[in-house]
Amino acid sequence: MEILTTTLGQMFVLFALIFIGFFLAKIKIMTDESSTILSRLENNLLLPALVMSTFVENFTVKTIGSAWKLLLISTGIGIVMIVLAIAVSKCCSKDKFVQNIYTYGLSFSNFGFMGNAVVKAVFPEIFMEYLIFTLPLWTMIYLWAVPTLLIPTEGGKQTLRTRLKSFANPMFGGMLLGMVIGLCNIPMPAPVTNLLKVTGDCMSPIAMILTGITVARMDFKKIMSMISIYVVSIVRLVVFPVIFIGVFFLMKTYTTIALSDTVVVCTIASLAMPLGLSPIIIPSAYGKDTSVAAGATLASHALSCITIPIMFYLLQCIL
């Protein structure tokens, strides 16, 4: 019941913010120019602050030294997810940009905003371990996923020059700075730390308002009638978590390989969340059409009200 209550509470906040963005766009308070400004604010300030804050707090020598197994397992699972996501996305669309959106969404769930809230409420005793577990995922996002999948390239070609150029962005800069500060244990004044946290906390609310604005502009009936949106959502919310739950069950039953309950919970918690928000906020800053991303985000977040409690129930059955 606690899982359901937590999930529904998060859904209410998310959909309320989406409705606010939708309503403001419909009454012309939020124009196309306004949404462009907000998306640039997300990419150039809010996301970099969130990423930097995450790495400053968690990417430390002590963390890496004491939790290297957790980080190694997370990295392995992340790589497996990317391989599976690329294969599934190619089956769902022939459009390269849509494939990239689906690949990102299938590779990386909303393990931050949604995942943090669910784990903190249901499994508070391992919340810190969950934050550590997601560090490799954040690293993969900003080293590979964002520059490769979400930032448009000149002429649509991924040359070495364009790949290197894509790293010259505030998000990557924030990650590197956060890594250096965390690993070197550089002391930061409390007001600066609080500023980073408060600024980063604004990312998800603004992202959902942008989703609402995007929905208001798109052909809602056409987008939400796309079968691929629901296929991707079901794969993200059900198929991937069930595969790993099955693998963990078989390992526990028929092998001597022992994974801690913490590893299992962190894995399923990160996999069971809906699609992430970056495919909306990052391409929109470059003038790309994000209606498919918004539709997939809406569908997956709505379905997750049902699927997340089911996945955690199955998880509890094998622990």
Protein backbone atom coordinates (compact mmCIF):
# COMPACT_ATOMS: atom_id res chain seq x y z
CA MET A 1 0.00 0.00 0.00
CA GLU A 2 2.87 2.37 0.78
CA ILE A 3 4.33 1.85 -2.69
CA LEU A 4 0.96 2.63 -4.30
CA THR A 5 0.46 5.73 -2.16
CA THR A 6 3.94 7.04 -2.92
CA THR A 7 3.56 6.39 -6.65
CA LEU A 8 0.16 8.05 -6.85
CA GLY A 9 1.47 11.03 -4.90
CA GLN A 10 4.29 11.50 -7.39
CA MET A 11 1.87 11.03 -10.30
CA PHE A 12 -0.40 13.76 -8.94
CA VAL A 13 2.49 16.24 -8.78
CA LEU A 14 3.73 15.32 -12.26
CA PHE A 15 0.36 15.47 -14.00
CA ALA A 16 -0.63 18.64 -12.15
CA LEU A 17 2.50 20.35 -13.52
CA ILE A 18 1.79 18.96 -17.01
CA PHE A 19 -1.75 20.36 -16.81
CA ILE A 20 -0.42 23.75 -15.70
CA GLY A 21 1.87 23.89 -18.73
CA PHE A 22 -0.94 22.70 -21.00
CA PHE A 23 -3.39 25.31 -19.62
CA LEU A 24 -0.89 28.18 -19.82
CA ALA A 25 -0.12 27.29 -23.44
CA LYS A 26 -3.80 27.05 -24.39
CA ILE A 27 -4.59 30.52 -22.98
CA LYS A 28 -1.49 31.89 -24.77
CA ILE A 29 0.39 32.89 -21.61
CA MET A 30 3.16 30.46 -22.59
CA THR A 31 4.11 30.98 -26.24
CA ASP A 32 6.57 29.11 -28.42
CA GLU A 33 9.16 31.72 -27.47
CA SER A 34 8.48 31.10 -23.77
CA SER A 35 8.95 27.34 -24.11
CA THR A 36 12.23 27.90 -25.97
CA ILE A 37 13.46 30.12 -23.16
CA LEU A 38 12.45 27.55 -20.54
CA SER A 39 14.15 24.72 -22.41
CA ARG A 40 17.35 26.75 -22.67
CA LEU A 41 17.10 27.52 -18.95
CA GLU A 42 16.84 23.78 -18.30
CA ASN A 43 19.84 22.92 -20.47
CA ASN A 44 22.11 25.75 -19.45
CA LEU A 45 21.36 26.11 -15.74
CA LEU A 46 18.97 23.67 -14.05
CA LEU A 47 20.29 20.38 -15.47
CA PRO A 48 23.97 21.34 -14.98
CA ALA A 49 23.20 22.31 -11.38
CA LEU A 50 21.43 18.99 -10.75
CA VAL A 51 24.24 16.95 -12.28
CA MET A 52 26.98 18.89 -10.48
CA SER A 53 25.18 18.61 -7.14
CA THR A 54 24.71 14.85 -7.58
CA PHE A 55 28.38 14.22 -8.30
CA VAL A 56 29.68 16.61 -5.63
CA GLU A 57 27.66 14.80 -2.96
CA ASN A 58 28.20 11.19 -4.07
CA PHE A 59 31.25 10.88 -6.34
CA THR A 60 33.87 10.70 -3.61
CA VAL A 61 36.90 8.50 -2.95
CA LYS A 62 35.13 7.04 0.08
CA THR A 63 32.04 6.21 -1.96
CA ILE A 64 33.98 4.53 -4.76
CA GLY A 65 36.20 2.64 -2.32
CA SER A 66 33.38 1.26 -0.17
CA ALA A 67 30.80 0.62 -2.90
CA TRP A 68 32.86 -0.46 -5.89
CA LYS A 69 30.81 -3.66 -6.31
CA LEU A 70 27.60 -1.65 -6.46
CA LEU A 71 29.12 0.69 -9.04
CA LEU A 72 30.47 -2.22 -11.11
CA ILE A 73 27.12 -4.04 -11.18
CA SER A 74 25.30 -0.83 -12.07
CA THR A 75 27.72 -0.20 -14.94
CA GLY A 76 27.21 -3.74 -16.28
CA ILE A 77 23.42 -3.49 -16.09
CA GLY A 78 23.53 -0.08 -17.76
CA ILE A 79 25.52 -1.48 -20.70
CA VAL A 80 23.10 -4.41 -21.08
CA MET A 81 20.16 -1.98 -21.06
CA ILE A 82 21.72 0.15 -23.79
CA VAL A 83 22.23 -2.89 -26.04
CA LEU A 84 18.64 -4.06 -25.50
CA ALA A 85 17.29 -0.52 -25.96
CA ILE A 86 19.02 -0.04 -29.32
CA ALA A 87 17.59 -3.34 -30.59
CA VAL A 88 14.04 -2.59 -29.43
CA SER A 89 14.03 1.02 -30.69
CA LYS A 90 14.99 -0.11 -34.21
CA CYS A 91 11.94 -2.36 -34.22
CA CYS A 92 9.63 0.44 -33.08
CA SER A 93 10.46 3.16 -35.61
CA LYS A 94 12.33 3.73 -38.86
CA ASP A 95 12.86 7.42 -38.13
CA LYS A 96 16.40 7.94 -36.77
CA PHE A 97 15.47 10.76 -34.39
CA VAL A 98 12.52 8.81 -32.96
CA GLN A 99 14.81 5.78 -32.61
CA ASN A 100 17.20 7.94 -30.57
CA ILE A 101 14.35 9.13 -28.33
CA TYR A 102 13.20 5.57 -27.73
CA THR A 103 16.76 4.34 -27.18
CA TYR A 104 17.30 6.97 -24.50
CA GLY A 105 13.97 6.26 -22.83
CA LEU A 106 14.53 2.51 -22.80
CA SER A 107 18.12 2.83 -21.60
CA PHE A 108 17.52 5.33 -18.81
CA SER A 109 14.31 5.59 -16.81
CA ASN A 110 13.21 8.45 -14.59
CA PHE A 111 15.40 6.94 -11.86
CA GLY A 112 16.16 10.40 -10.48
CA PHE A 113 12.98 12.35 -9.78
CA MET A 114 10.64 9.35 -9.59
CA GLY A 115 13.13 6.75 -8.43
CA ASN A 116 14.51 8.85 -5.59
CA ALA A 117 11.03 9.58 -4.24
CA VAL A 118 9.86 5.95 -4.39
CA VAL A 119 13.02 4.45 -2.87
CA LYS A 120 13.25 7.11 -0.15
CA ALA A 121 9.65 6.38 0.90
CA VAL A 122 9.60 2.57 0.56
CA PHE A 123 13.23 1.58 1.20
CA PRO A 124 14.69 4.49 3.24
CA GLU A 125 17.41 2.26 4.73
CA ILE A 126 19.15 1.87 1.33
CA PHE A 127 18.49 5.33 -0.11
CA MET A 128 22.18 6.31 -0.01
CA GLU A 129 23.15 3.04 -1.71
CA TYR A 130 20.55 3.76 -4.40
CA LEU A 131 22.10 7.18 -5.06
CA ILE A 132 25.50 5.51 -5.41
CA PHE A 133 24.02 2.83 -7.69
CA THR A 134 22.70 5.47 -10.09
CA LEU A 135 26.03 7.30 -10.43
CA PRO A 136 27.25 5.14 -13.36
CA LEU A 137 23.88 5.72 -15.04
CA TRP A 138 24.29 9.47 -14.73
CA THR A 139 27.81 9.12 -16.12
CA MET A 140 26.57 7.13 -19.14
CA ILE A 141 23.84 9.69 -19.74
CA TYR A 142 26.20 12.65 -19.96
CA LEU A 143 29.16 10.87 -21.53
CA TRP A 144 27.18 8.98 -24.20
CA ALA A 145 23.39 9.32 -24.26
CA VAL A 146 22.95 13.09 -24.29
CA PRO A 147 25.66 13.97 -26.85
CA THR A 148 24.97 10.93 -29.05
CA LEU A 149 21.18 10.61 -28.91
CA LEU A 150 19.66 13.95 -27.91
CA ILE A 151 21.91 16.72 -29.22
CA PRO A 152 21.39 17.17 -32.99
CA THR A 153 24.49 17.01 -35.17
CA GLU A 154 25.32 19.01 -38.28
CA GLY A 155 23.93 17.25 -41.32
CA GLY A 156 22.81 14.38 -39.15
CA LYS A 157 26.29 12.78 -39.28
CA GLN A 158 28.20 11.65 -36.20
CA THR A 159 31.78 12.53 -37.16
CA LEU A 160 34.60 12.61 -34.61
CA ARG A 161 34.51 16.39 -34.69
CA THR A 162 30.78 16.59 -33.99
CA ARG A 163 31.06 13.98 -31.22
CA LEU A 164 33.80 15.99 -29.51
CA LYS A 165 31.89 19.23 -30.06
CA SER A 166 28.79 17.77 -28.42
CA PHE A 167 30.68 17.44 -25.14
CA ALA A 168 31.14 21.22 -25.01
CA ASN A 169 27.89 21.80 -23.15
CA PRO A 170 26.99 22.99 -19.63
CA MET A 171 25.71 19.57 -18.50
CA PHE A 172 28.99 17.82 -19.29
CA GLY A 173 30.91 20.70 -17.72
CA GLY A 174 28.82 20.42 -14.56
CA MET A 175 29.48 16.67 -14.37
CA LEU A 176 33.27 17.08 -14.75
CA LEU A 177 33.38 19.89 -12.18
CA GLY A 178 31.28 17.82 -9.77
CA MET A 179 33.60 14.81 -10.25
CA VAL A 180 36.71 16.89 -9.53
CA ILE A 181 35.20 18.53 -6.43
CA GLY A 182 33.90 15.20 -5.12
CA LEU A 183 37.05 13.15 -5.75
CA CYS A 184 39.40 15.86 -4.45
CA ASN A 185 37.13 16.50 -1.46
CA ILE A 186 37.25 20.22 -2.14
CA PRO A 187 35.23 22.01 0.57
CA MET A 188 32.35 24.11 -0.70
CA PRO A 189 30.62 26.87 1.28
CA ALA A 190 27.18 25.83 2.54
CA PRO A 191 25.39 28.64 0.63
CA VAL A 192 26.94 27.43 -2.66
CA THR A 193 25.93 23.82 -1.94
CA ASN A 194 22.39 24.93 -1.10
CA LEU A 195 22.25 27.05 -4.26
CA LEU A 196 23.19 24.06 -6.41
CA LYS A 197 20.61 21.84 -4.73
CA VAL A 198 17.77 24.36 -4.91
CA THR A 199 18.55 25.13 -8.56
CA GLY A 200 18.76 21.43 -9.46
CA ASP A 201 15.46 20.74 -7.71
CA CYS A 202 13.77 23.06 -10.21
CA MET A 203 14.67 20.77 -13.13
CA SER A 204 11.82 18.26 -12.87
CA PRO A 205 8.96 20.77 -12.29
CA ILE A 206 10.05 22.90 -15.23
CA ALA A 207 10.46 19.77 -17.37
CA MET A 208 6.87 18.70 -16.68
CA ILE A 209 5.55 22.18 -17.44
CA LEU A 210 7.44 21.99 -20.74
CA THR A 211 5.80 18.63 -21.36
CA GLY A 212 2.39 20.24 -20.92
CA ILE A 213 3.30 23.04 -23.32
CA THR A 214 4.49 20.47 -25.88
CA VAL A 215 1.27 18.47 -25.51
CA ALA A 216 -0.79 21.63 -26.06
CA ARG A 217 0.94 22.22 -29.41
CA MET A 218 0.84 18.68 -30.77
CA ASP A 219 -1.82 16.67 -32.53
CA PHE A 220 -2.70 14.79 -29.34
CA LYS A 221 -5.00 12.29 -31.02
CA LYS A 222 -2.39 11.42 -33.64
CA ILE A 223 0.52 11.08 -31.23
CA MET A 224 -1.33 9.10 -28.57
CA SER A 225 -2.62 6.73 -31.26
CA MET A 226 0.97 5.69 -32.09
CA ILE A 227 1.30 2.04 -31.08
CA SER A 228 5.07 2.40 -30.65
CA ILE A 229 4.59 4.76 -27.69
CA TYR A 230 2.76 2.06 -25.74
CA VAL A 231 5.14 -0.68 -26.87
CA VAL A 232 8.12 1.30 -25.60
CA SER A 233 6.30 2.11 -22.34
CA ILE A 234 5.42 -1.55 -21.68
CA VAL A 235 8.95 -2.70 -22.47
CA ARG A 236 10.36 0.00 -20.18
CA LEU A 237 7.91 -0.61 -17.30
CA VAL A 238 7.28 -4.35 -17.46
CA VAL A 239 9.50 -6.36 -19.79
CA PHE A 240 12.91 -5.08 -18.64
CA PRO A 241 12.16 -5.27 -14.88
CA VAL A 242 10.61 -8.75 -15.23
CA ILE A 243 13.65 -10.01 -17.14
CA PHE A 244 15.98 -8.94 -14.34
CA ILE A 245 13.65 -10.20 -11.61
CA GLY A 246 13.68 -13.56 -13.38
CA VAL A 247 17.47 -13.53 -13.68
CA PHE A 248 17.86 -12.71 -9.98
CA PHE A 249 15.40 -15.47 -9.06
CA LEU A 250 17.27 -18.06 -11.15
CA MET A 251 20.62 -16.97 -9.71
CA LYS A 252 19.29 -17.24 -6.17
CA THR A 253 17.62 -20.62 -6.76
CA TYR A 254 20.04 -22.51 -8.99
CA THR A 255 23.47 -20.93 -8.52
CA THR A 256 25.86 -20.10 -5.70
CA ILE A 257 26.20 -16.50 -6.88
CA ALA A 258 24.86 -14.33 -4.09
CA LEU A 259 23.73 -10.78 -4.74
CA SER A 260 22.72 -8.67 -1.78
CA ASP A 261 19.12 -7.55 -1.39
CA THR A 262 20.41 -3.99 -1.71
CA VAL A 263 21.76 -4.65 -5.21
CA VAL A 264 18.53 -6.33 -6.28
CA VAL A 265 16.29 -3.55 -4.92
CA CYS A 266 18.44 -0.81 -6.47
CA THR A 267 18.41 -2.56 -9.84
CA ILE A 268 14.65 -3.10 -10.00
CA ALA A 269 13.91 0.37 -8.59
CA SER A 270 15.95 1.98 -11.36
CA LEU A 271 14.45 -0.25 -14.07
CA ALA A 272 10.79 -0.01 -13.03
CA MET A 273 10.49 3.76 -13.33
CA PRO A 274 8.84 5.43 -16.38
CA LEU A 275 10.68 7.16 -19.23
CA GLY A 276 13.01 10.01 -18.29
CA LEU A 277 12.43 13.69 -19.05
CA SER A 278 15.61 14.60 -20.93
CA PRO A 279 14.27 13.59 -24.41
CA ILE A 280 11.80 16.46 -24.01
CA ILE A 281 13.89 19.24 -22.52
CA ILE A 282 17.18 18.77 -24.41
CA PRO A 283 16.05 18.43 -28.07
CA SER A 284 13.50 21.22 -27.57
CA ALA A 285 16.36 23.64 -26.88
CA TYR A 286 17.62 22.87 -30.39
CA GLY A 287 14.24 23.38 -32.03
CA LYS A 288 13.50 19.68 -32.53
CA ASP A 289 9.97 18.25 -32.47
CA THR A 290 9.50 16.61 -29.05
CA SER A 291 5.86 15.57 -29.46
CA VAL A 292 6.70 11.85 -29.64
CA ALA A 293 8.88 12.15 -26.53
CA ALA A 294 6.09 14.00 -24.70
CA GLY A 295 3.53 11.38 -25.73
CA ALA A 296 5.75 8.52 -24.59
CA THR A 297 6.44 10.31 -21.30
CA LEU A 298 2.73 10.83 -20.65
CA ALA A 299 1.87 7.21 -21.48
CA SER A 300 4.68 5.68 -19.42
CA HIS A 301 4.05 7.86 -16.36
CA ALA A 302 0.32 7.06 -16.42
CA LEU A 303 0.94 3.32 -16.79
CA SER A 304 3.57 3.34 -14.04
CA CYS A 305 0.83 3.95 -11.44
CA ILE A 306 -0.13 0.33 -12.06
CA THR A 307 3.18 -1.27 -12.98
CA ILE A 308 5.47 0.05 -10.21
CA PRO A 309 3.48 -1.53 -7.34
CA ILE A 310 3.31 -4.81 -9.30
CA MET A 311 7.07 -4.85 -9.93
CA PHE A 312 7.84 -4.16 -6.27
CA TYR A 313 5.41 -6.91 -5.22
CA LEU A 314 7.22 -9.37 -7.50
CA LEU A 315 10.51 -8.11 -6.09
CA GLN A 316 9.38 -8.78 -2.53
CA CYS A 317 8.43 -12.33 -3.54
CA ILE A 318 12.02 -13.23 -4.47
CA LEU A 319 13.81 -11.48 -1.59
